[in-house]
Amino acid sequence: MSHVERFAPVWRKSSHSGGGNDCVEVAMITGGVGVRDSKNPGAGELHVSADSWRGLLRAVGALDRA
């Protein structure tokens, strides 16, 4: 991470993921969204811009409706 977050991110996973740990977690961060593996949260994070995250959600939603 190239900057220091002022507050620790609050990581969440979908309520649709059930009780397992085979999912990703997301958190709002400065400038966008962080994504990490729920099984191994210390392995690192993927940071994407807010615009990229919205685009991903739109694309997934379109697949879900197809």
C-alpha atoms as a PDB file:
ATOM      1  CA  MET A   1       0.000   0.000   0.000  1.00  0.00           C
ATOM      2  CA  SER A   2       1.486   3.328  -0.992  1.00  0.00           C
ATOM      3  CA  HIS A   3      -0.260   5.314   1.719  1.00  0.00           C
ATOM      4  CA  VAL A   4      -1.287   4.845   5.317  1.00  0.00           C
ATOM      5  CA  GLU A   5      -4.979   4.356   6.013  1.00  0.00           C
ATOM      6  CA  ARG A   6      -6.196   6.645   8.752  1.00  0.00           C
ATOM      7  CA  PHE A   7      -8.581   4.013  10.075  1.00  0.00           C
ATOM      8  CA  ALA A   8      -8.404   0.247   9.761  1.00  0.00           C
ATOM      9  CA  PRO A   9     -10.669  -1.012   6.968  1.00  0.00           C
ATOM     10  CA  VAL A  10     -13.836  -2.857   7.977  1.00  0.00           C
ATOM     11  CA  TRP A  11     -13.823  -6.135   6.047  1.00  0.00           C
ATOM     12  CA  ARG A  12     -17.141  -7.735   5.048  1.00  0.00           C
ATOM     13  CA  LYS A  13     -18.269 -10.753   3.108  1.00  0.00           C
ATOM     14  CA  SER A  14     -21.595 -11.423   1.462  1.00  0.00           C
ATOM     15  CA  SER A  15     -24.427 -12.849   3.510  1.00  0.00           C
ATOM     16  CA  HIS A  16     -24.854 -15.246   0.565  1.00  0.00           C
ATOM     17  CA  SER A  17     -21.493 -16.874   1.327  1.00  0.00           C
ATOM     18  CA  GLY A  18     -22.890 -18.991   4.171  1.00  0.00           C
ATOM     19  CA  GLY A  19     -20.694 -20.090   7.052  1.00  0.00           C
ATOM     20  CA  GLY A  20     -17.692 -21.189   5.003  1.00  0.00           C
ATOM     21  CA  ASN A  21     -14.433 -19.364   4.477  1.00  0.00           C
ATOM     22  CA  ASP A  22     -14.199 -19.922   0.717  1.00  0.00           C
ATOM     23  CA  CYS A  23     -15.044 -16.372  -0.235  1.00  0.00           C
ATOM     24  CA  VAL A  24     -13.599 -12.948  -0.668  1.00  0.00           C
ATOM     25  CA  GLU A  25     -13.950 -10.038   1.698  1.00  0.00           C
ATOM     26  CA  VAL A  26     -14.266  -6.410   0.659  1.00  0.00           C
ATOM     27  CA  ALA A  27     -13.613  -3.138   2.458  1.00  0.00           C
ATOM     28  CA  MET A  28     -13.998   0.495   1.528  1.00  0.00           C
ATOM     29  CA  ILE A  29     -10.561   2.125   1.451  1.00  0.00           C
ATOM     30  CA  THR A  30      -9.309   5.542   0.475  1.00  0.00           C
ATOM     31  CA  GLY A  31      -9.898   5.879  -3.257  1.00  0.00           C
ATOM     32  CA  GLY A  32     -11.732   2.616  -3.793  1.00  0.00           C
ATOM     33  CA  VAL A  33     -12.239  -0.922  -2.563  1.00  0.00           C
ATOM     34  CA  GLY A  34      -9.936  -3.547  -1.100  1.00  0.00           C
ATOM     35  CA  VAL A  35     -10.499  -7.238  -1.859  1.00  0.00           C
ATOM     36  CA  ARG A  36      -8.865 -10.154  -0.018  1.00  0.00           C
ATOM     37  CA  ASP A  37      -9.160 -13.921   0.458  1.00  0.00           C
ATOM     38  CA  SER A  38     -11.181 -14.784   3.565  1.00  0.00           C
ATOM     39  CA  LYS A  39      -9.140 -17.983   4.094  1.00  0.00           C
ATOM     40  CA  ASN A  40      -5.853 -16.124   4.153  1.00  0.00           C
ATOM     41  CA  PRO A  41      -6.413 -12.438   4.963  1.00  0.00           C
ATOM     42  CA  GLY A  42      -2.729 -11.853   5.674  1.00  0.00           C
ATOM     43  CA  ALA A  43      -1.712 -12.840   2.143  1.00  0.00           C
ATOM     44  CA  GLY A  44      -2.364  -9.389   0.749  1.00  0.00           C
ATOM     45  CA  GLU A  45      -5.079  -7.311  -0.810  1.00  0.00           C
ATOM     46  CA  LEU A  46      -6.150  -6.231  -4.247  1.00  0.00           C
ATOM     47  CA  HIS A  47      -7.034  -2.535  -4.413  1.00  0.00           C
ATOM     48  CA  VAL A  48      -9.309  -1.268  -7.161  1.00  0.00           C
ATOM     49  CA  SER A  49     -10.743   2.153  -7.855  1.00  0.00           C
ATOM     50  CA  ALA A  50     -14.373   2.867  -7.033  1.00  0.00           C
ATOM     51  CA  ASP A  51     -15.146   3.123 -10.774  1.00  0.00           C
ATOM     52  CA  SER A  52     -13.553  -0.265 -11.465  1.00  0.00           C
ATOM     53  CA  TRP A  53     -15.487  -1.841  -8.592  1.00  0.00           C
ATOM     54  CA  ARG A  54     -18.791  -0.454  -9.895  1.00  0.00           C
ATOM     55  CA  GLY A  55     -17.955  -1.801 -13.353  1.00  0.00           C
ATOM     56  CA  LEU A  56     -17.236  -5.249 -11.931  1.00  0.00           C
ATOM     57  CA  LEU A  57     -20.521  -5.282 -10.010  1.00  0.00           C
ATOM     58  CA  ARG A  58     -22.438  -4.238 -13.145  1.00  0.00           C
ATOM     59  CA  ALA A  59     -20.763  -6.991 -15.181  1.00  0.00           C
ATOM     60  CA  VAL A  60     -21.483  -9.655 -12.559  1.00  0.00           C
ATOM     61  CA  GLY A  61     -25.088  -8.474 -12.313  1.00  0.00           C
ATOM     62  CA  ALA A  62     -25.460  -8.748 -16.091  1.00  0.00           C
ATOM     63  CA  LEU A  63     -24.146 -12.330 -16.014  1.00  0.00           C
ATOM     64  CA  ASP A  64     -26.544 -13.184 -13.214  1.00  0.00           C
ATOM     65  CA  ARG A  65     -29.492 -11.974 -15.310  1.00  0.00           C
ATOM     66  CA  ALA A  66     -28.356 -13.788 -18.476  1.00  0.00           C
END
